[in-house]
PDB file of N, CA and C in Angstrom:
ATOM      1  N   MET A   1       5.745  42.063 -33.513  1.00  0.00           N
ATOM      2  CA  MET A   1       4.670  41.388 -34.175  1.00  0.00           C
ATOM      3  C   MET A   1       4.383  40.063 -33.463  1.00  0.00           C
ATOM      4  N   SER A   2       3.174  39.845 -33.001  1.00  0.00           N
ATOM      5  CA  SER A   2       2.808  38.663 -32.236  1.00  0.00           C
ATOM      6  C   SER A   2       2.064  37.671 -33.116  1.00  0.00           C
ATOM      7  N   HIS A   3       2.433  36.413 -32.987  1.00  0.00           N
ATOM      8  CA  HIS A   3       1.791  35.353 -33.762  1.00  0.00           C
ATOM      9  C   HIS A   3       1.003  34.410 -32.853  1.00  0.00           C
ATOM     10  N   ALA A   4       0.690  34.829 -31.637  1.00  0.00           N
ATOM     11  CA  ALA A   4       0.029  33.962 -30.664  1.00  0.00           C
ATOM     12  C   ALA A   4      -1.317  33.465 -31.170  1.00  0.00           C
ATOM     13  N   ASN A   5      -2.068  34.293 -31.866  1.00  0.00           N
ATOM     14  CA  ASN A   5      -3.396  33.882 -32.321  1.00  0.00           C
ATOM     15  C   ASN A   5      -3.353  32.889 -33.471  1.00  0.00           C
ATOM     16  N   GLU A   6      -2.252  32.882 -34.217  1.00  0.00           N
ATOM     17  CA  GLU A   6      -2.144  31.954 -35.347  1.00  0.00           C
ATOM     18  C   GLU A   6      -2.075  30.501 -34.893  1.00  0.00           C
ATOM     19  N   PHE A   7      -1.591  30.263 -33.690  1.00  0.00           N
ATOM     20  CA  PHE A   7      -1.377  28.911 -33.211  1.00  0.00           C
ATOM     21  C   PHE A   7      -2.329  28.527 -32.082  1.00  0.00           C
ATOM     22  N   SER A   8      -3.394  29.217 -31.956  1.00  0.00           N
ATOM     23  CA  SER A   8      -4.325  28.897 -30.868  1.00  0.00           C
ATOM     24  C   SER A   8      -5.004  27.565 -31.155  1.00  0.00           C
ATOM     25  N   TYR A   9      -5.313  26.879 -30.082  1.00  0.00           N
ATOM     26  CA  TYR A   9      -5.936  25.566 -30.194  1.00  0.00           C
ATOM     27  C   TYR A   9      -7.050  25.504 -29.171  1.00  0.00           C
ATOM     28  N   THR A  10      -8.167  25.040 -29.569  1.00  0.00           N
ATOM     29  CA  THR A  10      -9.295  24.906 -28.662  1.00  0.00           C
ATOM     30  C   THR A  10      -9.390  23.454 -28.224  1.00  0.00           C
ATOM     31  N   VAL A  11      -9.400  23.260 -26.912  1.00  0.00           N
ATOM     32  CA  VAL A  11      -9.510  21.914 -26.357  1.00  0.00           C
ATOM     33  C   VAL A  11     -10.970  21.483 -26.441  1.00  0.00           C
ATOM     34  N   PRO A  12     -11.227  20.356 -27.058  1.00  0.00           N
ATOM     35  CA  PRO A  12     -12.623  19.913 -27.188  1.00  0.00           C
ATOM     36  C   PRO A  12     -13.190  19.495 -25.835  1.00  0.00           C
ATOM     37  N   GLU A  13     -14.480  19.646 -25.676  1.00  0.00           N
ATOM     38  CA  GLU A  13     -15.168  19.212 -24.459  1.00  0.00           C
ATOM     39  C   GLU A  13     -15.169  17.685 -24.425  1.00  0.00           C
ATOM     40  N   PRO A  14     -14.954  17.103 -23.258  1.00  0.00           N
ATOM     41  CA  PRO A  14     -14.998  15.644 -23.197  1.00  0.00           C
ATOM     42  C   PRO A  14     -16.426  15.139 -23.409  1.00  0.00           C
ATOM     43  N   GLU A  15     -16.514  13.967 -24.010  1.00  0.00           N
ATOM     44  CA  GLU A  15     -17.819  13.377 -24.222  1.00  0.00           C
ATOM     45  C   GLU A  15     -18.327  12.820 -22.896  1.00  0.00           C
ATOM     46  N   PRO A  16     -19.625  12.871 -22.679  1.00  0.00           N
ATOM     47  CA  PRO A  16     -20.160  12.314 -21.438  1.00  0.00           C
ATOM     48  C   PRO A  16     -19.895  10.811 -21.366  1.00  0.00           C
ATOM     49  N   ARG A  17     -19.641  10.333 -20.172  1.00  0.00           N
ATOM     50  CA  ARG A  17     -19.359   8.908 -19.960  1.00  0.00           C
ATOM     51  C   ARG A  17     -20.669   8.139 -19.791  1.00  0.00           C
ATOM     52  N   THR A  18     -20.671   6.930 -20.298  1.00  0.00           N
ATOM     53  CA  THR A  18     -21.835   6.070 -20.098  1.00  0.00           C
ATOM     54  C   THR A  18     -21.682   5.370 -18.752  1.00  0.00           C
ATOM     55  N   ASP A  19     -22.746   4.785 -18.264  1.00  0.00           N
ATOM     56  CA  ASP A  19     -22.693   4.045 -16.999  1.00  0.00           C
ATOM     57  C   ASP A  19     -21.664   2.917 -17.076  1.00  0.00           C
ATOM     58  N   GLN A  20     -21.625   2.244 -18.219  1.00  0.00           N
ATOM     59  CA  GLN A  20     -20.675   1.135 -18.370  1.00  0.00           C
ATOM     60  C   GLN A  20     -19.233   1.649 -18.348  1.00  0.00           C
ATOM     61  N   GLN A  21     -18.976   2.773 -19.002  1.00  0.00           N
ATOM     62  CA  GLN A  21     -17.630   3.348 -18.988  1.00  0.00           C
ATOM     63  C   GLN A  21     -17.231   3.727 -17.564  1.00  0.00           C
ATOM     64  N   LEU A  22     -18.159   4.288 -16.803  1.00  0.00           N
ATOM     65  CA  LEU A  22     -17.866   4.645 -15.414  1.00  0.00           C
ATOM     66  C   LEU A  22     -17.571   3.396 -14.582  1.00  0.00           C
ATOM     67  N   LYS A  23     -18.339   2.337 -14.782  1.00  0.00           N
ATOM     68  CA  LYS A  23     -18.094   1.082 -14.062  1.00  0.00           C
ATOM     69  C   LYS A  23     -16.735   0.509 -14.429  1.00  0.00           C
ATOM     70  N   ASP A  24     -16.386   0.575 -15.709  1.00  0.00           N
ATOM     71  CA  ASP A  24     -15.083   0.084 -16.155  1.00  0.00           C
ATOM     72  C   ASP A  24     -13.949   0.870 -15.504  1.00  0.00           C
ATOM     73  N   LEU A  25     -14.095   2.191 -15.462  1.00  0.00           N
ATOM     74  CA  LEU A  25     -13.067   3.033 -14.837  1.00  0.00           C
ATOM     75  C   LEU A  25     -12.968   2.772 -13.342  1.00  0.00           C
ATOM     76  N   GLN A  26     -14.105   2.571 -12.684  1.00  0.00           N
ATOM     77  CA  GLN A  26     -14.093   2.266 -11.259  1.00  0.00           C
ATOM     78  C   GLN A  26     -13.398   0.929 -11.008  1.00  0.00           C
ATOM     79  N   GLY A  27     -13.649  -0.038 -11.878  1.00  0.00           N
ATOM     80  CA  GLY A  27     -12.987  -1.332 -11.749  1.00  0.00           C
ATOM     81  C   GLY A  27     -11.478  -1.224 -11.922  1.00  0.00           C
ATOM     82  N   LYS A  28     -11.055  -0.437 -12.894  1.00  0.00           N
ATOM     83  CA  LYS A  28      -9.616  -0.232 -13.111  1.00  0.00           C
ATOM     84  C   LYS A  28      -8.984   0.469 -11.918  1.00  0.00           C
ATOM     85  N   PHE A  29      -9.678   1.451 -11.369  1.00  0.00           N
ATOM     86  CA  PHE A  29      -9.162   2.169 -10.206  1.00  0.00           C
ATOM     87  C   PHE A  29      -9.037   1.226  -9.009  1.00  0.00           C
ATOM     88  N   ALA A  30     -10.045   0.404  -8.784  1.00  0.00           N
ATOM     89  CA  ALA A  30     -10.004  -0.557  -7.681  1.00  0.00           C
ATOM     90  C   ALA A  30      -8.843  -1.538  -7.868  1.00  0.00           C
ATOM     91  N   HIS A  31      -8.627  -1.960  -9.116  1.00  0.00           N
ATOM     92  CA  HIS A  31      -7.514  -2.873  -9.409  1.00  0.00           C
ATOM     93  C   HIS A  31      -6.171  -2.208  -9.094  1.00  0.00           C
ATOM     94  N   LEU A  32      -6.025  -0.943  -9.447  1.00  0.00           N
ATOM     95  CA  LEU A  32      -4.782  -0.215  -9.155  1.00  0.00           C
ATOM     96  C   LEU A  32      -4.575  -0.061  -7.652  1.00  0.00           C
ATOM     97  N   GLU A  33      -5.646   0.224  -6.925  1.00  0.00           N
ATOM     98  CA  GLU A  33      -5.543   0.335  -5.465  1.00  0.00           C
ATOM     99  C   GLU A  33      -5.104  -0.991  -4.856  1.00  0.00           C
ATOM    100  N   GLN A  34      -5.667  -2.091  -5.366  1.00  0.00           N
ATOM    101  CA  GLN A  34      -5.320  -3.413  -4.860  1.00  0.00           C
ATOM    102  C   GLN A  34      -3.856  -3.736  -5.167  1.00  0.00           C
ATOM    103  N   ALA A  35      -3.403  -3.390  -6.343  1.00  0.00           N
ATOM    104  CA  ALA A  35      -2.009  -3.631  -6.714  1.00  0.00           C
ATOM    105  C   ALA A  35      -1.072  -2.826  -5.822  1.00  0.00           C
ATOM    106  N   ASP A  36      -1.464  -1.598  -5.496  1.00  0.00           N
ATOM    107  CA  ASP A  36      -0.666  -0.756  -4.610  1.00  0.00           C
ATOM    108  C   ASP A  36      -0.581  -1.372  -3.220  1.00  0.00           C
ATOM    109  N   ALA A  37      -1.707  -1.891  -2.721  1.00  0.00           N
ATOM    110  CA  ALA A  37      -1.726  -2.535  -1.405  1.00  0.00           C
ATOM    111  C   ALA A  37      -0.832  -3.770  -1.404  1.00  0.00           C
ATOM    112  N   HIS A  38      -0.876  -4.557  -2.474  1.00  0.00           N
ATOM    113  CA  HIS A  38      -0.022  -5.746  -2.566  1.00  0.00           C
ATOM    114  C   HIS A  38       1.453  -5.354  -2.551  1.00  0.00           C
ATOM    115  N   ALA A  39       1.796  -4.286  -3.241  1.00  0.00           N
ATOM    116  CA  ALA A  39       3.191  -3.828  -3.270  1.00  0.00           C
ATOM    117  C   ALA A  39       3.644  -3.409  -1.874  1.00  0.00           C
ATOM    118  N   LEU A  40       2.786  -2.693  -1.148  1.00  0.00           N
ATOM    119  CA  LEU A  40       3.128  -2.282   0.219  1.00  0.00           C
ATOM    120  C   LEU A  40       3.330  -3.496   1.119  1.00  0.00           C
ATOM    121  N   ILE A  41       2.443  -4.454   1.011  1.00  0.00           N
ATOM    122  CA  ILE A  41       2.545  -5.656   1.839  1.00  0.00           C
ATOM    123  C   ILE A  41       3.808  -6.430   1.494  1.00  0.00           C
ATOM    124  N   ASP A  42       4.135  -6.538   0.215  1.00  0.00           N
ATOM    125  CA  ASP A  42       5.366  -7.212  -0.197  1.00  0.00           C
ATOM    126  C   ASP A  42       6.597  -6.512   0.380  1.00  0.00           C
ATOM    127  N   GLN A  43       6.599  -5.184   0.369  1.00  0.00           N
ATOM    128  CA  GLN A  43       7.720  -4.433   0.933  1.00  0.00           C
ATOM    129  C   GLN A  43       7.824  -4.669   2.443  1.00  0.00           C
ATOM    130  N   ALA A  44       6.679  -4.685   3.125  1.00  0.00           N
ATOM    131  CA  ALA A  44       6.685  -4.925   4.566  1.00  0.00           C
ATOM    132  C   ALA A  44       7.181  -6.339   4.876  1.00  0.00           C
ATOM    133  N   ILE A  45       6.797  -7.302   4.056  1.00  0.00           N
ATOM    134  CA  ILE A  45       7.298  -8.670   4.226  1.00  0.00           C
ATOM    135  C   ILE A  45       8.812  -8.677   4.122  1.00  0.00           C
ATOM    136  N   CYS A  46       9.363  -7.929   3.166  1.00  0.00           N
ATOM    137  CA  CYS A  46      10.822  -7.854   3.006  1.00  0.00           C
ATOM    138  C   CYS A  46      11.485  -7.278   4.245  1.00  0.00           C
ATOM    139  N   VAL A  47      10.878  -6.254   4.846  1.00  0.00           N
ATOM    140  CA  VAL A  47      11.431  -5.667   6.070  1.00  0.00           C
ATOM    141  C   VAL A  47      11.450  -6.710   7.183  1.00  0.00           C
ATOM    142  N   ILE A  48      10.340  -7.415   7.350  1.00  0.00           N
ATOM    143  CA  ILE A  48      10.251  -8.434   8.403  1.00  0.00           C
ATOM    144  C   ILE A  48      11.242  -9.564   8.152  1.00  0.00           C
ATOM    145  N   VAL A  49      11.391  -9.981   6.909  1.00  0.00           N
ATOM    146  CA  VAL A  49      12.363 -11.027   6.573  1.00  0.00           C
ATOM    147  C   VAL A  49      13.772 -10.557   6.935  1.00  0.00           C
ATOM    148  N   ALA A  50      14.096  -9.318   6.581  1.00  0.00           N
ATOM    149  CA  ALA A  50      15.438  -8.796   6.841  1.00  0.00           C
ATOM    150  C   ALA A  50      15.706  -8.608   8.333  1.00  0.00           C
ATOM    151  N   VAL A  51      14.727  -8.086   9.043  1.00  0.00           N
ATOM    152  CA  VAL A  51      14.917  -7.780  10.468  1.00  0.00           C
ATOM    153  C   VAL A  51      14.742  -9.025  11.329  1.00  0.00           C
ATOM    154  N   GLY A  52      13.736  -9.822  10.999  1.00  0.00           N
ATOM    155  CA  GLY A  52      13.391 -10.947  11.866  1.00  0.00           C
ATOM    156  C   GLY A  52      13.967 -12.278  11.468  1.00  0.00           C
ATOM    157  N   GLY A  53      14.556 -12.350  10.297  1.00  0.00           N
ATOM    158  CA  GLY A  53      15.130 -13.616   9.853  1.00  0.00           C
ATOM    159  C   GLY A  53      14.085 -14.688   9.582  1.00  0.00           C
ATOM    160  N   LEU A  54      12.899 -14.269   9.189  1.00  0.00           N
ATOM    161  CA  LEU A  54      11.827 -15.214   8.891  1.00  0.00           C
ATOM    162  C   LEU A  54      11.775 -15.512   7.404  1.00  0.00           C
ATOM    163  N   THR A  55      11.028 -16.537   7.061  1.00  0.00           N
ATOM    164  CA  THR A  55      10.754 -16.792   5.656  1.00  0.00           C
ATOM    165  C   THR A  55       9.663 -15.812   5.211  1.00  0.00           C
ATOM    166  N   PRO A  56       9.505 -15.597   3.914  1.00  0.00           N
ATOM    167  CA  PRO A  56       8.414 -14.730   3.459  1.00  0.00           C
ATOM    168  C   PRO A  56       7.033 -15.210   3.929  1.00  0.00           C
ATOM    169  N   ALA A  57       6.805 -16.505   3.943  1.00  0.00           N
ATOM    170  CA  ALA A  57       5.512 -17.033   4.398  1.00  0.00           C
ATOM    171  C   ALA A  57       5.291 -16.726   5.880  1.00  0.00           C
ATOM    172  N   GLU A  58       6.337 -16.881   6.684  1.00  0.00           N
ATOM    173  CA  GLU A  58       6.227 -16.559   8.114  1.00  0.00           C
ATOM    174  C   GLU A  58       6.007 -15.065   8.321  1.00  0.00           C
ATOM    175  N   ALA A  59       6.684 -14.248   7.520  1.00  0.00           N
ATOM    176  CA  ALA A  59       6.517 -12.793   7.624  1.00  0.00           C
ATOM    177  C   ALA A  59       5.096 -12.383   7.252  1.00  0.00           C
ATOM    178  N   TRP A  60       4.537 -13.020   6.219  1.00  0.00           N
ATOM    179  CA  TRP A  60       3.150 -12.763   5.827  1.00  0.00           C
ATOM    180  C   TRP A  60       2.204 -13.087   6.983  1.00  0.00           C
ATOM    181  N   ASP A  61       2.391 -14.258   7.592  1.00  0.00           N
ATOM    182  CA  ASP A  61       1.549 -14.652   8.723  1.00  0.00           C
ATOM    183  C   ASP A  61       1.685 -13.653   9.871  1.00  0.00           C
ATOM    184  N   LEU A  62       2.906 -13.231  10.134  1.00  0.00           N
ATOM    185  CA  LEU A  62       3.149 -12.268  11.210  1.00  0.00           C
ATOM    186  C   LEU A  62       2.417 -10.955  10.950  1.00  0.00           C
ATOM    187  N   LEU A  63       2.496 -10.446   9.739  1.00  0.00           N
ATOM    188  CA  LEU A  63       1.796  -9.200   9.406  1.00  0.00           C
ATOM    189  C   LEU A  63       0.284  -9.364   9.512  1.00  0.00           C
ATOM    190  N   ARG A  64      -0.222 -10.445   8.971  1.00  0.00           N
ATOM    191  CA  ARG A  64      -1.666 -10.686   8.983  1.00  0.00           C
ATOM    192  C   ARG A  64      -2.190 -10.823  10.417  1.00  0.00           C
ATOM    193  N   GLU A  65      -1.498 -11.604  11.233  1.00  0.00           N
ATOM    194  CA  GLU A  65      -1.928 -11.807  12.615  1.00  0.00           C
ATOM    195  C   GLU A  65      -1.786 -10.530  13.440  1.00  0.00           C
ATOM    196  N   THR A  66      -0.734  -9.770  13.178  1.00  0.00           N
ATOM    197  CA  THR A  66      -0.566  -8.493  13.871  1.00  0.00           C
ATOM    198  C   THR A  66      -1.718  -7.559  13.532  1.00  0.00           C
ATOM    199  N   SER A  67      -2.111  -7.537  12.280  1.00  0.00           N
ATOM    200  CA  SER A  67      -3.240  -6.721  11.854  1.00  0.00           C
ATOM    201  C   SER A  67      -4.511  -7.133  12.587  1.00  0.00           C
ATOM    202  N   MET A  68      -4.753  -8.430  12.655  1.00  0.00           N
ATOM    203  CA  MET A  68      -5.966  -8.919  13.316  1.00  0.00           C
ATOM    204  C   MET A  68      -5.963  -8.604  14.809  1.00  0.00           C
ATOM    205  N   HIS A  69      -4.819  -8.787  15.485  1.00  0.00           N
ATOM    206  CA  HIS A  69      -4.771  -8.616  16.936  1.00  0.00           C
ATOM    207  C   HIS A  69      -4.677  -7.163  17.382  1.00  0.00           C
ATOM    208  N   THR A  70      -4.257  -6.282  16.499  1.00  0.00           N
ATOM    209  CA  THR A  70      -4.201  -4.856  16.847  1.00  0.00           C
ATOM    210  C   THR A  70      -5.393  -4.100  16.298  1.00  0.00           C
ATOM    211  N   ASN A  71      -6.197  -4.777  15.482  1.00  0.00           N
ATOM    212  CA  ASN A  71      -7.359  -4.152  14.839  1.00  0.00           C
ATOM    213  C   ASN A  71      -6.941  -2.965  13.960  1.00  0.00           C
ATOM    214  N   ILE A  72      -5.792  -3.117  13.298  1.00  0.00           N
ATOM    215  CA  ILE A  72      -5.287  -2.127  12.345  1.00  0.00           C
ATOM    216  C   ILE A  72      -5.305  -2.793  10.981  1.00  0.00           C
ATOM    217  N   GLU A  73      -5.826  -2.092   9.974  1.00  0.00           N
ATOM    218  CA  GLU A  73      -5.874  -2.646   8.621  1.00  0.00           C
ATOM    219  C   GLU A  73      -4.504  -3.141   8.185  1.00  0.00           C
ATOM    220  N   LEU A  74      -4.501  -4.248   7.465  1.00  0.00           N
ATOM    221  CA  LEU A  74      -3.246  -4.847   7.002  1.00  0.00           C
ATOM    222  C   LEU A  74      -2.417  -3.855   6.202  1.00  0.00           C
ATOM    223  N   ARG A  75      -3.059  -3.096   5.331  1.00  0.00           N
ATOM    224  CA  ARG A  75      -2.336  -2.104   4.526  1.00  0.00           C
ATOM    225  C   ARG A  75      -1.641  -1.083   5.428  1.00  0.00           C
ATOM    226  N   GLN A  76      -2.322  -0.650   6.485  1.00  0.00           N
ATOM    227  CA  GLN A  76      -1.733   0.333   7.389  1.00  0.00           C
ATOM    228  C   GLN A  76      -0.588  -0.279   8.198  1.00  0.00           C
ATOM    229  N   VAL A  77      -0.750  -1.523   8.629  1.00  0.00           N
ATOM    230  CA  VAL A  77       0.349  -2.206   9.320  1.00  0.00           C
ATOM    231  C   VAL A  77       1.562  -2.262   8.397  1.00  0.00           C
ATOM    232  N   ALA A  78       1.328  -2.604   7.129  1.00  0.00           N
ATOM    233  CA  ALA A  78       2.429  -2.664   6.164  1.00  0.00           C
ATOM    234  C   ALA A  78       3.106  -1.305   6.013  1.00  0.00           C
ATOM    235  N   GLU A  79       2.310  -0.244   5.907  1.00  0.00           N
ATOM    236  CA  GLU A  79       2.884   1.103   5.792  1.00  0.00           C
ATOM    237  C   GLU A  79       3.728   1.449   7.012  1.00  0.00           C
ATOM    238  N   LEU A  80       3.244   1.093   8.206  1.00  0.00           N
ATOM    239  CA  LEU A  80       3.982   1.387   9.443  1.00  0.00           C
ATOM    240  C   LEU A  80       5.273   0.582   9.533  1.00  0.00           C
ATOM    241  N   VAL A  81       5.230  -0.670   9.086  1.00  0.00           N
ATOM    242  CA  VAL A  81       6.437  -1.507   9.097  1.00  0.00           C
ATOM    243  C   VAL A  81       7.471  -0.961   8.112  1.00  0.00           C
ATOM    244  N   ILE A  82       7.023  -0.530   6.949  1.00  0.00           N
ATOM    245  CA  ILE A  82       7.940   0.057   5.968  1.00  0.00           C
ATOM    246  C   ILE A  82       8.572   1.327   6.529  1.00  0.00           C
ATOM    247  N   ALA A  83       7.769   2.174   7.146  1.00  0.00           N
ATOM    248  CA  ALA A  83       8.292   3.404   7.757  1.00  0.00           C
ATOM    249  C   ALA A  83       9.285   3.065   8.866  1.00  0.00           C
ATOM    250  N   TRP A  84       8.994   2.025   9.628  1.00  0.00           N
ATOM    251  CA  TRP A  84       9.892   1.574  10.689  1.00  0.00           C
ATOM    252  C   TRP A  84      11.221   1.135  10.095  1.00  0.00           C
ATOM    253  N   GLY A  85      11.165   0.404   8.997  1.00  0.00           N
ATOM    254  CA  GLY A  85      12.396  -0.039   8.344  1.00  0.00           C
ATOM    255  C   GLY A  85      13.233   1.125   7.838  1.00  0.00           C
ATOM    256  N   ALA A  86      12.565   2.203   7.431  1.00  0.00           N
ATOM    257  CA  ALA A  86      13.273   3.366   6.890  1.00  0.00           C
ATOM    258  C   ALA A  86      13.756   4.316   7.986  1.00  0.00           C
ATOM    259  N   ALA A  87      12.927   4.534   9.010  1.00  0.00           N
ATOM    260  CA  ALA A  87      13.243   5.559  10.010  1.00  0.00           C
ATOM    261  C   ALA A  87      13.584   4.995  11.379  1.00  0.00           C
ATOM    262  N   GLY A  88      13.277   3.722  11.595  1.00  0.00           N
ATOM    263  CA  GLY A  88      13.570   3.114  12.893  1.00  0.00           C
ATOM    264  C   GLY A  88      12.573   3.459  13.975  1.00  0.00           C
ATOM    265  N   GLU A  89      11.427   4.021  13.623  1.00  0.00           N
ATOM    266  CA  GLU A  89      10.418   4.393  14.608  1.00  0.00           C
ATOM    267  C   GLU A  89       9.143   3.609  14.353  1.00  0.00           C
ATOM    268  N   LEU A  90       8.555   3.111  15.459  1.00  0.00           N
ATOM    269  CA  LEU A  90       7.324   2.341  15.377  1.00  0.00           C
ATOM    270  C   LEU A  90       6.554   2.560  16.661  1.00  0.00           C
ATOM    271  N   SER A  91       5.247   2.709  16.576  1.00  0.00           N
ATOM    272  CA  SER A  91       4.444   2.935  17.782  1.00  0.00           C
ATOM    273  C   SER A  91       4.632   1.772  18.748  1.00  0.00           C
ATOM    274  N   SER A  92       4.567   2.071  20.044  1.00  0.00           N
ATOM    275  CA  SER A  92       4.870   1.054  21.052  1.00  0.00           C
ATOM    276  C   SER A  92       3.916  -0.135  20.993  1.00  0.00           C
ATOM    277  N   ASP A  93       2.611   0.106  20.770  1.00  0.00           N
ATOM    278  CA  ASP A  93       1.671  -1.016  20.743  1.00  0.00           C
ATOM    279  C   ASP A  93       1.933  -1.945  19.565  1.00  0.00           C
ATOM    280  N   LEU A  94       2.219  -1.386  18.425  1.00  0.00           N
ATOM    281  CA  LEU A  94       2.519  -2.218  17.253  1.00  0.00           C
ATOM    282  C   LEU A  94       3.876  -2.895  17.411  1.00  0.00           C
ATOM    283  N   ARG A  95       4.843  -2.187  17.969  1.00  0.00           N
ATOM    284  CA  ARG A  95       6.173  -2.758  18.190  1.00  0.00           C
ATOM    285  C   ARG A  95       6.084  -3.958  19.140  1.00  0.00           C
ATOM    286  N   GLU A  96       5.302  -3.812  20.223  1.00  0.00           N
ATOM    287  CA  GLU A  96       5.152  -4.905  21.182  1.00  0.00           C
ATOM    288  C   GLU A  96       4.476  -6.116  20.552  1.00  0.00           C
ATOM    289  N   GLU A  97       3.425  -5.867  19.750  1.00  0.00           N
ATOM    290  CA  GLU A  97       2.722  -6.976  19.093  1.00  0.00           C
ATOM    291  C   GLU A  97       3.627  -7.678  18.084  1.00  0.00           C
ATOM    292  N   LEU A  98       4.378  -6.905  17.299  1.00  0.00           N
ATOM    293  CA  LEU A  98       5.306  -7.511  16.338  1.00  0.00           C
ATOM    294  C   LEU A  98       6.377  -8.315  17.067  1.00  0.00           C
ATOM    295  N   ALA A  99       6.925  -7.762  18.147  1.00  0.00           N
ATOM    296  CA  ALA A  99       7.964  -8.457  18.906  1.00  0.00           C
ATOM    297  C   ALA A  99       7.416  -9.749  19.511  1.00  0.00           C
ATOM    298  N   ARG A 100       6.204  -9.678  20.062  1.00  0.00           N
ATOM    299  CA  ARG A 100       5.592 -10.867  20.651  1.00  0.00           C
ATOM    300  C   ARG A 100       5.409 -11.957  19.597  1.00  0.00           C
ATOM    301  N   ARG A 101       4.898 -11.583  18.440  1.00  0.00           N
ATOM    302  CA  ARG A 101       4.674 -12.546  17.366  1.00  0.00           C
ATOM    303  C   ARG A 101       6.004 -13.056  16.800  1.00  0.00           C
ATOM    304  N   LEU A 102       6.971 -12.163  16.689  1.00  0.00           N
ATOM    305  CA  LEU A 102       8.283 -12.565  16.184  1.00  0.00           C
ATOM    306  C   LEU A 102       8.932 -13.573  17.122  1.00  0.00           C
ATOM    307  N   ASN A 103       8.847 -13.314  18.414  1.00  0.00           N
ATOM    308  CA  ASN A 103       9.440 -14.238  19.399  1.00  0.00           C
ATOM    309  C   ASN A 103       8.725 -15.588  19.415  1.00  0.00           C
ATOM    310  N   SER A 104       7.414 -15.586  19.197  1.00  0.00           N
ATOM    311  CA  SER A 104       6.678 -16.852  19.200  1.00  0.00           C
ATOM    312  C   SER A 104       6.919 -17.637  17.907  1.00  0.00           C
ATOM    313  N   THR A 105       7.343 -16.965  16.841  1.00  0.00           N
ATOM    314  CA  THR A 105       7.610 -17.624  15.559  1.00  0.00           C
ATOM    315  C   THR A 105       8.966 -18.292  15.560  1.00  0.00           C
ATOM    316  N   ARG A 106       9.896 -17.712  16.267  1.00  0.00           N
ATOM    317  CA  ARG A 106      11.279 -18.250  16.273  1.00  0.00           C
ATOM    318  C   ARG A 106      11.403 -19.524  17.028  1.00  0.00           C
TER     319      ARG A 106
END
């Protein structure tokens, strides 16, 4: 004897979103993306502090300047530095730029 039909539930259709609701959701999404980027940059700063013996402010400057001089987005530089800290691998052009900046900071 099956009781599957006794407990059936119909999921209601979602109500259409207003323009303001869509703008609010887009703003929240952008805020979450920005928070994620900040977290990545903070982690990359920690890697640079640990490896390079710099202060957090110096590590921030190093990441920012490396991004500008390599024409790689800061978020991507941070992701590559974090991966380098975890796996020990970094592209030669980014490694050379980081080393050059690290040596000039010391």
